PDB file of all heavy atoms in Angstrom:
ATOM      1  N   ILE A   1      76.489 158.169  26.598  1.00  0.00           N
ATOM      2  CA  ILE A   1      77.773 158.771  26.722  1.00  0.00           C
ATOM      3  C   ILE A   1      77.844 159.203  28.235  1.00  0.00           C
ATOM      4  O   ILE A   1      78.964 158.930  28.851  1.00  0.00           O
ATOM      5  CB  ILE A   1      78.007 159.809  25.837  1.00  0.00           C
ATOM      6  CG1 ILE A   1      78.329 159.272  24.405  1.00  0.00           C
ATOM      7  CG2 ILE A   1      79.273 160.591  26.286  1.00  0.00           C
ATOM      8  CD1 ILE A   1      78.340 160.255  23.312  1.00  0.00           C
ATOM      9  N   TYR A   2      76.788 159.872  28.762  1.00  0.00           N
ATOM     10  CA  TYR A   2      76.970 160.447  30.069  1.00  0.00           C
ATOM     11  C   TYR A   2      76.688 159.330  31.113  1.00  0.00           C
ATOM     12  O   TYR A   2      77.203 159.449  32.270  1.00  0.00           O
ATOM     13  CB  TYR A   2      76.024 161.545  30.280  1.00  0.00           C
ATOM     14  CG  TYR A   2      76.714 162.835  29.886  1.00  0.00           C
ATOM     15  CD1 TYR A   2      76.755 163.148  28.627  1.00  0.00           C
ATOM     16  CD2 TYR A   2      77.377 163.689  30.660  1.00  0.00           C
ATOM     17  CE1 TYR A   2      77.299 164.333  28.150  1.00  0.00           C
ATOM     18  CE2 TYR A   2      77.921 164.884  30.364  1.00  0.00           C
ATOM     19  CZ  TYR A   2      78.060 165.127  29.045  1.00  0.00           C
ATOM     20  OH  TYR A   2      78.642 166.305  28.711  1.00  0.00           O
ATOM     21  N   SER A   3      76.104 158.232  30.730  1.00  0.00           N
ATOM     22  CA  SER A   3      75.969 157.057  31.751  1.00  0.00           C
ATOM     23  C   SER A   3      77.492 156.473  31.764  1.00  0.00           C
ATOM     24  O   SER A   3      77.956 156.074  32.881  1.00  0.00           O
ATOM     25  CB  SER A   3      75.138 155.990  31.150  1.00  0.00           C
ATOM     26  OG  SER A   3      73.833 156.308  31.071  1.00  0.00           O
ATOM     27  N   TRP A   4      78.287 156.415  30.620  1.00  0.00           N
ATOM     28  CA  TRP A   4      79.699 155.974  30.730  1.00  0.00           C
ATOM     29  C   TRP A   4      80.386 156.899  31.674  1.00  0.00           C
ATOM     30  O   TRP A   4      81.346 156.554  32.506  1.00  0.00           O
ATOM     31  CB  TRP A   4      80.171 155.893  29.407  1.00  0.00           C
ATOM     32  CG  TRP A   4      81.683 155.500  29.437  1.00  0.00           C
ATOM     33  CD1 TRP A   4      82.267 154.255  29.635  1.00  0.00           C
ATOM     34  CD2 TRP A   4      82.808 156.332  29.443  1.00  0.00           C
ATOM     35  NE1 TRP A   4      83.597 154.278  29.569  1.00  0.00           N
ATOM     36  CE2 TRP A   4      84.017 155.595  29.526  1.00  0.00           C
ATOM     37  CE3 TRP A   4      83.004 157.738  29.314  1.00  0.00           C
ATOM     38  CZ2 TRP A   4      85.245 156.189  29.571  1.00  0.00           C
ATOM     39  CZ3 TRP A   4      84.259 158.304  29.300  1.00  0.00           C
ATOM     40  CH2 TRP A   4      85.276 157.595  29.472  1.00  0.00           C
ATOM     41  N   LEU A   5      80.164 158.257  31.599  1.00  0.00           N
ATOM     42  CA  LEU A   5      80.966 159.271  32.322  1.00  0.00           C
ATOM     43  C   LEU A   5      80.383 159.027  33.763  1.00  0.00           C
ATOM     44  O   LEU A   5      81.314 159.355  34.700  1.00  0.00           O
ATOM     45  CB  LEU A   5      80.627 160.612  31.865  1.00  0.00           C
ATOM     46  CG  LEU A   5      81.232 161.041  30.556  1.00  0.00           C
ATOM     47  CD1 LEU A   5      80.765 162.364  30.029  1.00  0.00           C
ATOM     48  CD2 LEU A   5      82.868 161.020  30.684  1.00  0.00           C
ATOM     49  N   TYR A   6      79.201 158.751  34.025  1.00  0.00           N
ATOM     50  CA  TYR A   6      78.765 158.508  35.302  1.00  0.00           C
ATOM     51  C   TYR A   6      79.514 157.384  36.116  1.00  0.00           C
ATOM     52  O   TYR A   6      80.004 157.553  37.206  1.00  0.00           O
ATOM     53  CB  TYR A   6      77.258 158.095  35.239  1.00  0.00           C
ATOM     54  CG  TYR A   6      76.635 157.902  36.687  1.00  0.00           C
ATOM     55  CD1 TYR A   6      76.072 158.849  37.364  1.00  0.00           C
ATOM     56  CD2 TYR A   6      76.539 156.566  37.086  1.00  0.00           C
ATOM     57  CE1 TYR A   6      75.457 158.657  38.568  1.00  0.00           C
ATOM     58  CE2 TYR A   6      75.984 156.275  38.373  1.00  0.00           C
ATOM     59  CZ  TYR A   6      75.348 157.146  39.062  1.00  0.00           C
ATOM     60  OH  TYR A   6      74.754 157.158  40.420  1.00  0.00           O
ATOM     61  N   HIS A   7      79.688 156.279  35.406  1.00  0.00           N
ATOM     62  CA  HIS A   7      80.536 155.203  35.893  1.00  0.00           C
ATOM     63  C   HIS A   7      81.982 155.515  36.014  1.00  0.00           C
ATOM     64  O   HIS A   7      82.696 155.238  37.009  1.00  0.00           O
ATOM     65  CB  HIS A   7      80.355 153.867  35.094  1.00  0.00           C
ATOM     66  CG  HIS A   7      79.014 153.294  35.178  1.00  0.00           C
ATOM     67  ND1 HIS A   7      78.484 152.956  36.351  1.00  0.00           N
ATOM     68  CD2 HIS A   7      78.113 152.987  34.236  1.00  0.00           C
ATOM     69  CE1 HIS A   7      77.291 152.441  36.126  1.00  0.00           C
ATOM     70  NE2 HIS A   7      77.035 152.482  34.866  1.00  0.00           N
ATOM     71  N   ALA A   8      82.586 156.156  34.979  1.00  0.00           N
ATOM     72  CA  ALA A   8      84.008 156.533  34.948  1.00  0.00           C
ATOM     73  C   ALA A   8      84.433 157.508  35.992  1.00  0.00           C
ATOM     74  O   ALA A   8      85.636 157.501  36.535  1.00  0.00           O
ATOM     75  CB  ALA A   8      84.371 157.124  33.562  1.00  0.00           C
ATOM     76  N   THR A   9      83.526 158.354  36.456  1.00  0.00           N
ATOM     77  CA  THR A   9      83.768 159.356  37.408  1.00  0.00           C
ATOM     78  C   THR A   9      83.163 159.029  38.864  1.00  0.00           C
ATOM     79  O   THR A   9      82.929 160.105  39.653  1.00  0.00           O
ATOM     80  CB  THR A   9      83.272 160.706  36.993  1.00  0.00           C
ATOM     81  OG1 THR A   9      81.783 160.692  36.771  1.00  0.00           O
ATOM     82  CG2 THR A   9      83.890 161.184  35.645  1.00  0.00           C
ATOM     83  N   ASN A  10      83.030 157.852  39.123  1.00  0.00           N
ATOM     84  CA  ASN A  10      82.529 157.487  40.511  1.00  0.00           C
ATOM     85  C   ASN A  10      81.121 158.040  40.803  1.00  0.00           C
ATOM     86  O   ASN A  10      81.019 158.821  41.724  1.00  0.00           O
ATOM     87  CB  ASN A  10      83.557 157.807  41.592  1.00  0.00           C
ATOM     88  CG  ASN A  10      83.150 157.072  42.964  1.00  0.00           C
ATOM     89  OD1 ASN A  10      82.460 156.098  42.954  1.00  0.00           O
ATOM     90  ND2 ASN A  10      83.632 157.895  44.016  1.00  0.00           N
ATOM     91  N   ASN A  11      80.196 157.582  39.924  1.00  0.00           N
ATOM     92  CA  ASN A  11      78.751 158.122  39.916  1.00  0.00           C
ATOM     93  C   ASN A  11      78.712 159.826  39.856  1.00  0.00           C
ATOM     94  O   ASN A  11      77.886 160.352  40.451  1.00  0.00           O
ATOM     95  CB  ASN A  11      78.234 157.728  41.342  1.00  0.00           C
ATOM     96  CG  ASN A  11      78.129 156.211  41.370  1.00  0.00           C
ATOM     97  OD1 ASN A  11      78.234 155.470  40.474  1.00  0.00           O
ATOM     98  ND2 ASN A  11      78.087 155.729  42.587  1.00  0.00           N
ATOM     99  N   GLY A  12      79.684 160.217  39.074  1.00  0.00           N
ATOM    100  CA  GLY A  12      79.738 161.652  38.930  1.00  0.00           C
ATOM    101  C   GLY A  12      80.352 162.582  39.826  1.00  0.00           C
ATOM    102  O   GLY A  12      80.370 163.735  39.807  1.00  0.00           O
ATOM    103  N   SER A  13      80.939 161.824  40.944  1.00  0.00           N
ATOM    104  CA  SER A  13      81.452 162.671  42.004  1.00  0.00           C
ATOM    105  C   SER A  13      82.782 163.120  41.855  1.00  0.00           C
ATOM    106  O   SER A  13      83.287 164.127  42.342  1.00  0.00           O
ATOM    107  CB  SER A  13      81.425 161.839  43.352  1.00  0.00           C
ATOM    108  OG  SER A  13      82.242 160.792  43.260  1.00  0.00           O
ATOM    109  N   ASN A  14      83.581 162.470  40.966  1.00  0.00           N
ATOM    110  CA  ASN A  14      85.048 162.882  40.665  1.00  0.00           C
ATOM    111  C   ASN A  14      85.030 163.813  39.454  1.00  0.00           C
ATOM    112  O   ASN A  14      85.353 163.518  38.286  1.00  0.00           O
ATOM    113  CB  ASN A  14      85.874 161.579  40.258  1.00  0.00           C
ATOM    114  CG  ASN A  14      87.267 161.968  40.245  1.00  0.00           C
ATOM    115  OD1 ASN A  14      87.734 163.013  40.159  1.00  0.00           O
ATOM    116  ND2 ASN A  14      88.183 160.756  40.304  1.00  0.00           N
ATOM    117  N   ILE A  15      84.768 165.098  39.871  1.00  0.00           N
ATOM    118  CA  ILE A  15      84.599 166.016  38.846  1.00  0.00           C
ATOM    119  C   ILE A  15      85.935 166.371  38.178  1.00  0.00           C
ATOM    120  O   ILE A  15      86.124 166.638  36.881  1.00  0.00           O
ATOM    121  CB  ILE A  15      84.008 167.358  39.328  1.00  0.00           C
ATOM    122  CG1 ILE A  15      82.504 167.013  39.824  1.00  0.00           C
ATOM    123  CG2 ILE A  15      83.919 168.531  38.334  1.00  0.00           C
ATOM    124  CD1 ILE A  15      81.774 168.129  40.527  1.00  0.00           C
ATOM    125  N   ARG A  16      86.977 166.332  38.884  1.00  0.00           N
ATOM    126  CA  ARG A  16      88.312 166.567  38.368  1.00  0.00           C
ATOM    127  C   ARG A  16      88.693 165.592  37.287  1.00  0.00           C
ATOM    128  O   ARG A  16      89.179 165.965  36.143  1.00  0.00           O
ATOM    129  CB  ARG A  16      89.352 166.512  39.600  1.00  0.00           C
ATOM    130  CG  ARG A  16      90.852 166.832  39.002  1.00  0.00           C
ATOM    131  CD  ARG A  16      91.039 168.104  38.294  1.00  0.00           C
ATOM    132  NE  ARG A  16      90.562 169.210  39.136  1.00  0.00           N
ATOM    133  CZ  ARG A  16      91.340 169.866  39.874  1.00  0.00           C
ATOM    134  NH1 ARG A  16      92.586 169.550  40.240  1.00  0.00           N
ATOM    135  NH2 ARG A  16      90.794 170.939  40.571  1.00  0.00           N
ATOM    136  N   LEU A  17      88.321 164.313  37.435  1.00  0.00           N
ATOM    137  CA  LEU A  17      88.452 163.339  36.259  1.00  0.00           C
ATOM    138  C   LEU A  17      87.767 163.702  35.276  1.00  0.00           C
ATOM    139  O   LEU A  17      88.188 163.617  34.124  1.00  0.00           O
ATOM    140  CB  LEU A  17      88.313 161.971  36.831  1.00  0.00           C
ATOM    141  CG  LEU A  17      88.355 160.883  35.761  1.00  0.00           C
ATOM    142  CD1 LEU A  17      89.748 160.694  35.173  1.00  0.00           C
ATOM    143  CD2 LEU A  17      87.979 159.454  36.445  1.00  0.00           C
ATOM    144  N   ALA A  18      86.501 164.174  35.437  1.00  0.00           N
ATOM    145  CA  ALA A  18      85.627 164.495  34.288  1.00  0.00           C
ATOM    146  C   ALA A  18      86.310 165.686  33.470  1.00  0.00           C
ATOM    147  O   ALA A  18      86.227 165.706  32.193  1.00  0.00           O
ATOM    148  CB  ALA A  18      84.303 164.950  34.738  1.00  0.00           C
ATOM    149  N   GLN A  19      86.896 166.617  34.216  1.00  0.00           N
ATOM    150  CA  GLN A  19      87.591 167.688  33.507  1.00  0.00           C
ATOM    151  C   GLN A  19      88.731 167.213  32.768  1.00  0.00           C
ATOM    152  O   GLN A  19      88.981 167.721  31.501  1.00  0.00           O
ATOM    153  CB  GLN A  19      88.119 168.715  34.500  1.00  0.00           C
ATOM    154  CG  GLN A  19      87.059 169.473  35.219  1.00  0.00           C
ATOM    155  CD  GLN A  19      87.491 170.439  36.274  1.00  0.00           C
ATOM    156  OE1 GLN A  19      87.756 170.128  37.470  1.00  0.00           O
ATOM    157  NE2 GLN A  19      87.824 171.646  35.906  1.00  0.00           N
ATOM    158  N   TYR A  20      89.408 166.365  33.230  1.00  0.00           N
ATOM    159  CA  TYR A  20      90.581 165.625  32.379  1.00  0.00           C
ATOM    160  C   TYR A  20      90.046 164.966  31.161  1.00  0.00           C
ATOM    161  O   TYR A  20      90.663 165.045  30.045  1.00  0.00           O
ATOM    162  CB  TYR A  20      91.532 164.695  33.265  1.00  0.00           C
ATOM    163  CG  TYR A  20      92.271 165.470  34.219  1.00  0.00           C
ATOM    164  CD1 TYR A  20      92.377 165.007  35.696  1.00  0.00           C
ATOM    165  CD2 TYR A  20      93.025 166.597  33.934  1.00  0.00           C
ATOM    166  CE1 TYR A  20      93.152 165.670  36.480  1.00  0.00           C
ATOM    167  CE2 TYR A  20      93.931 167.204  34.878  1.00  0.00           C
ATOM    168  CZ  TYR A  20      93.838 166.699  36.221  1.00  0.00           C
ATOM    169  OH  TYR A  20      94.787 167.339  37.200  1.00  0.00           O
ATOM    170  N   LEU A  21      89.039 164.307  31.351  1.00  0.00           N
ATOM    171  CA  LEU A  21      88.415 163.646  30.125  1.00  0.00           C
ATOM    172  C   LEU A  21      87.908 164.734  29.012  1.00  0.00           C
ATOM    173  O   LEU A  21      87.976 164.411  27.915  1.00  0.00           O
ATOM    174  CB  LEU A  21      87.229 162.856  30.521  1.00  0.00           C
ATOM    175  CG  LEU A  21      87.555 161.508  31.416  1.00  0.00           C
ATOM    176  CD1 LEU A  21      86.316 160.927  31.960  1.00  0.00           C
ATOM    177  CD2 LEU A  21      88.412 160.514  30.651  1.00  0.00           C
ATOM    178  N   PHE A  22      87.347 165.852  29.604  1.00  0.00           N
ATOM    179  CA  PHE A  22      86.965 166.804  28.667  1.00  0.00           C
ATOM    180  C   PHE A  22      88.126 167.664  28.051  1.00  0.00           C
ATOM    181  O   PHE A  22      88.137 168.123  26.999  1.00  0.00           O
ATOM    182  CB  PHE A  22      86.062 167.761  29.258  1.00  0.00           C
ATOM    183  CG  PHE A  22      84.615 167.433  29.113  1.00  0.00           C
ATOM    184  CD1 PHE A  22      84.039 166.353  30.023  1.00  0.00           C
ATOM    185  CD2 PHE A  22      83.791 167.882  28.279  1.00  0.00           C
ATOM    186  CE1 PHE A  22      82.829 165.937  29.849  1.00  0.00           C
ATOM    187  CE2 PHE A  22      82.451 167.455  28.016  1.00  0.00           C
ATOM    188  CZ  PHE A  22      81.999 166.554  28.813  1.00  0.00           C
ATOM    189  N   GLU A  23      89.362 167.552  28.813  1.00  0.00           N
ATOM    190  CA  GLU A  23      90.517 168.105  28.082  1.00  0.00           C
ATOM    191  C   GLU A  23      90.911 167.191  26.897  1.00  0.00           C
ATOM    192  O   GLU A  23      91.251 167.757  25.945  1.00  0.00           O
ATOM    193  CB  GLU A  23      91.757 168.278  29.187  1.00  0.00           C
ATOM    194  CG  GLU A  23      92.941 168.690  28.399  1.00  0.00           C
ATOM    195  CD  GLU A  23      94.243 168.634  29.273  1.00  0.00           C
ATOM    196  OE1 GLU A  23      93.997 168.260  30.546  1.00  0.00           O
ATOM    197  OE2 GLU A  23      95.191 169.039  28.880  1.00  0.00           O
ATOM    198  N   GLY A  24      90.894 165.897  27.186  1.00  0.00           N
ATOM    199  CA  GLY A  24      91.050 164.890  26.075  1.00  0.00           C
ATOM    200  C   GLY A  24      90.254 165.200  24.801  1.00  0.00           C
ATOM    201  O   GLY A  24      90.589 165.184  23.765  1.00  0.00           O
ATOM    202  N   LEU A  25      88.829 165.427  25.272  1.00  0.00           N
ATOM    203  CA  LEU A  25      87.873 165.755  24.190  1.00  0.00           C
ATOM    204  C   LEU A  25      88.298 166.945  23.410  1.00  0.00           C
ATOM    205  O   LEU A  25      88.050 167.098  22.245  1.00  0.00           O
ATOM    206  CB  LEU A  25      86.493 165.831  24.790  1.00  0.00           C
ATOM    207  CG  LEU A  25      85.344 166.304  23.793  1.00  0.00           C
ATOM    208  CD1 LEU A  25      85.075 165.256  22.753  1.00  0.00           C
ATOM    209  CD2 LEU A  25      84.086 166.563  24.580  1.00  0.00           C
ATOM    210  N   TYR A  26      88.682 168.012  24.243  1.00  0.00           N
ATOM    211  CA  TYR A  26      89.013 169.314  23.678  1.00  0.00           C
ATOM    212  C   TYR A  26      90.194 169.143  22.513  1.00  0.00           C
ATOM    213  O   TYR A  26      90.152 169.601  21.510  1.00  0.00           O
ATOM    214  CB  TYR A  26      89.505 170.325  24.666  1.00  0.00           C
ATOM    215  CG  TYR A  26      89.911 171.618  24.204  1.00  0.00           C
ATOM    216  CD1 TYR A  26      88.966 172.712  24.139  1.00  0.00           C
ATOM    217  CD2 TYR A  26      91.223 171.831  23.841  1.00  0.00           C
ATOM    218  CE1 TYR A  26      89.346 173.979  23.622  1.00  0.00           C
ATOM    219  CE2 TYR A  26      91.580 173.131  23.382  1.00  0.00           C
ATOM    220  CZ  TYR A  26      90.680 174.204  23.327  1.00  0.00           C
ATOM    221  OH  TYR A  26      91.092 175.366  22.777  1.00  0.00           O
ATOM    222  N   LEU A  27      91.344 168.368  23.107  1.00  0.00           N
ATOM    223  CA  LEU A  27      92.404 168.250  22.199  1.00  0.00           C
ATOM    224  C   LEU A  27      92.053 167.451  20.907  1.00  0.00           C
ATOM    225  O   LEU A  27      92.530 167.671  19.926  1.00  0.00           O
ATOM    226  CB  LEU A  27      93.588 167.499  22.989  1.00  0.00           C
ATOM    227  CG  LEU A  27      94.061 168.374  24.103  1.00  0.00           C
ATOM    228  CD1 LEU A  27      95.008 167.574  25.046  1.00  0.00           C
ATOM    229  CD2 LEU A  27      94.779 169.626  23.640  1.00  0.00           C
ATOM    230  N   ALA A  28      91.147 166.394  21.141  1.00  0.00           N
ATOM    231  CA  ALA A  28      90.756 165.547  20.034  1.00  0.00           C
ATOM    232  C   ALA A  28      90.059 166.341  18.962  1.00  0.00           C
ATOM    233  O   ALA A  28      90.189 166.211  17.782  1.00  0.00           O
ATOM    234  CB  ALA A  28      89.885 164.290  20.498  1.00  0.00           C
ATOM    235  N   THR A  29      89.086 167.207  19.584  1.00  0.00           N
ATOM    236  CA  THR A  29      88.410 168.117  18.657  1.00  0.00           C
ATOM    237  C   THR A  29      89.222 168.971  17.754  1.00  0.00           C
ATOM    238  O   THR A  29      89.112 169.127  16.618  1.00  0.00           O
ATOM    239  CB  THR A  29      87.369 168.835  19.411  1.00  0.00           C
ATOM    240  OG1 THR A  29      86.353 168.100  20.149  1.00  0.00           O
ATOM    241  CG2 THR A  29      86.414 169.731  18.509  1.00  0.00           C
ATOM    242  N   GLN A  30      90.224 169.465  18.628  1.00  0.00           N
ATOM    243  CA  GLN A  30      91.189 170.544  17.902  1.00  0.00           C
ATOM    244  C   GLN A  30      91.937 169.826  16.789  1.00  0.00           C
ATOM    245  O   GLN A  30      92.160 170.300  15.740  1.00  0.00           O
ATOM    246  CB  GLN A  30      92.149 171.099  18.903  1.00  0.00           C
ATOM    247  CG  GLN A  30      91.484 172.135  19.861  1.00  0.00           C
ATOM    248  CD  GLN A  30      91.120 173.430  19.259  1.00  0.00           C
ATOM    249  OE1 GLN A  30      90.397 173.475  18.414  1.00  0.00           O
ATOM    250  NE2 GLN A  30      91.781 174.397  19.794  1.00  0.00           N
ATOM    251  N   LEU A  31      92.257 168.550  17.057  1.00  0.00           N
ATOM    252  CA  LEU A  31      93.138 167.789  16.072  1.00  0.00           C
ATOM    253  C   LEU A  31      92.187 167.504  14.909  1.00  0.00           C
ATOM    254  O   LEU A  31      92.652 167.716  13.707  1.00  0.00           O
ATOM    255  CB  LEU A  31      93.512 166.412  16.687  1.00  0.00           C
ATOM    256  CG  LEU A  31      94.192 165.437  15.738  1.00  0.00           C
ATOM    257  CD1 LEU A  31      95.533 166.130  15.208  1.00  0.00           C
ATOM    258  CD2 LEU A  31      94.530 164.082  16.420  1.00  0.00           C
ATOM    259  N   ILE A  32      90.928 167.151  14.967  1.00  0.00           N
ATOM    260  CA  ILE A  32      90.122 166.988  13.916  1.00  0.00           C
ATOM    261  C   ILE A  32      89.814 168.243  13.050  1.00  0.00           C
ATOM    262  O   ILE A  32      89.798 168.337  11.845  1.00  0.00           O
ATOM    263  CB  ILE A  32      88.695 166.292  14.344  1.00  0.00           C
ATOM    264  CG1 ILE A  32      88.962 164.894  14.908  1.00  0.00           C
ATOM    265  CG2 ILE A  32      87.715 166.370  13.226  1.00  0.00           C
ATOM    266  CD1 ILE A  32      87.663 164.215  15.550  1.00  0.00           C
ATOM    267  N   VAL A  33      89.567 169.376  13.809  1.00  0.00           N
ATOM    268  CA  VAL A  33      89.342 170.655  13.179  1.00  0.00           C
ATOM    269  C   VAL A  33      90.605 171.033  12.412  1.00  0.00           C
ATOM    270  O   VAL A  33      90.523 171.534  11.175  1.00  0.00           O
ATOM    271  CB  VAL A  33      89.039 171.677  14.201  1.00  0.00           C
ATOM    272  CG1 VAL A  33      88.857 173.148  13.581  1.00  0.00           C
ATOM    273  CG2 VAL A  33      87.554 171.278  14.776  1.00  0.00           C
ATOM    274  N   PHE A  34      91.760 170.918  13.022  1.00  0.00           N
ATOM    275  CA  PHE A  34      93.024 171.130  12.397  1.00  0.00           C
ATOM    276  C   PHE A  34      93.124 170.378  11.015  1.00  0.00           C
ATOM    277  O   PHE A  34      93.536 170.775   9.980  1.00  0.00           O
ATOM    278  CB  PHE A  34      94.317 170.857  13.176  1.00  0.00           C
ATOM    279  CG  PHE A  34      94.556 171.766  14.257  1.00  0.00           C
ATOM    280  CD1 PHE A  34      95.460 171.422  15.388  1.00  0.00           C
ATOM    281  CD2 PHE A  34      93.914 172.955  14.323  1.00  0.00           C
ATOM    282  CE1 PHE A  34      95.659 172.280  16.268  1.00  0.00           C
ATOM    283  CE2 PHE A  34      94.047 173.779  15.361  1.00  0.00           C
ATOM    284  CZ  PHE A  34      94.921 173.541  16.402  1.00  0.00           C
ATOM    285  N   ALA A  35      92.792 168.952  11.155  1.00  0.00           N
ATOM    286  CA  ALA A  35      92.794 168.244   9.968  1.00  0.00           C
ATOM    287  C   ALA A  35      91.820 168.706   8.807  1.00  0.00           C
ATOM    288  O   ALA A  35      92.059 168.551   7.582  1.00  0.00           O
ATOM    289  CB  ALA A  35      92.476 166.781  10.261  1.00  0.00           C
ATOM    290  N   ILE A  36      90.716 169.201   9.159  1.00  0.00           N
ATOM    291  CA  ILE A  36      89.675 169.963   8.345  1.00  0.00           C
ATOM    292  C   ILE A  36      90.208 171.065   7.638  1.00  0.00           C
ATOM    293  O   ILE A  36      90.288 171.190   6.447  1.00  0.00           O
ATOM    294  CB  ILE A  36      88.384 170.341   9.092  1.00  0.00           C
ATOM    295  CG1 ILE A  36      87.648 169.004   9.541  1.00  0.00           C
ATOM    296  CG2 ILE A  36      87.507 171.134   8.118  1.00  0.00           C
ATOM    297  CD1 ILE A  36      86.490 169.305  10.431  1.00  0.00           C
ATOM    298  N   TYR A  37      90.822 171.935   8.388  1.00  0.00           N
ATOM    299  CA  TYR A  37      91.534 173.178   7.873  1.00  0.00           C
ATOM    300  C   TYR A  37      92.785 172.863   7.013  1.00  0.00           C
ATOM    301  O   TYR A  37      93.113 173.534   6.039  1.00  0.00           O
ATOM    302  CB  TYR A  37      91.974 174.123   9.023  1.00  0.00           C
ATOM    303  CG  TYR A  37      90.990 175.027   9.697  1.00  0.00           C
ATOM    304  CD1 TYR A  37      89.783 174.523  10.100  1.00  0.00           C
ATOM    305  CD2 TYR A  37      91.372 176.392   9.690  1.00  0.00           C
ATOM    306  CE1 TYR A  37      88.840 175.339  10.617  1.00  0.00           C
ATOM    307  CE2 TYR A  37      90.263 177.308  10.256  1.00  0.00           C
ATOM    308  CZ  TYR A  37      89.004 176.711  10.647  1.00  0.00           C
ATOM    309  OH  TYR A  37      88.178 177.583  11.106  1.00  0.00           O
TER     310      TYR A  37
END
């Protein structure tokens, strides 16, 4: 997974893009947890 993130963020240098990807992860996790609740 982090190898994919390595490529997606220009060898890890584009941290802002990584943050946006983790925002997507945050929202997806919230959606799943809401579905559980």
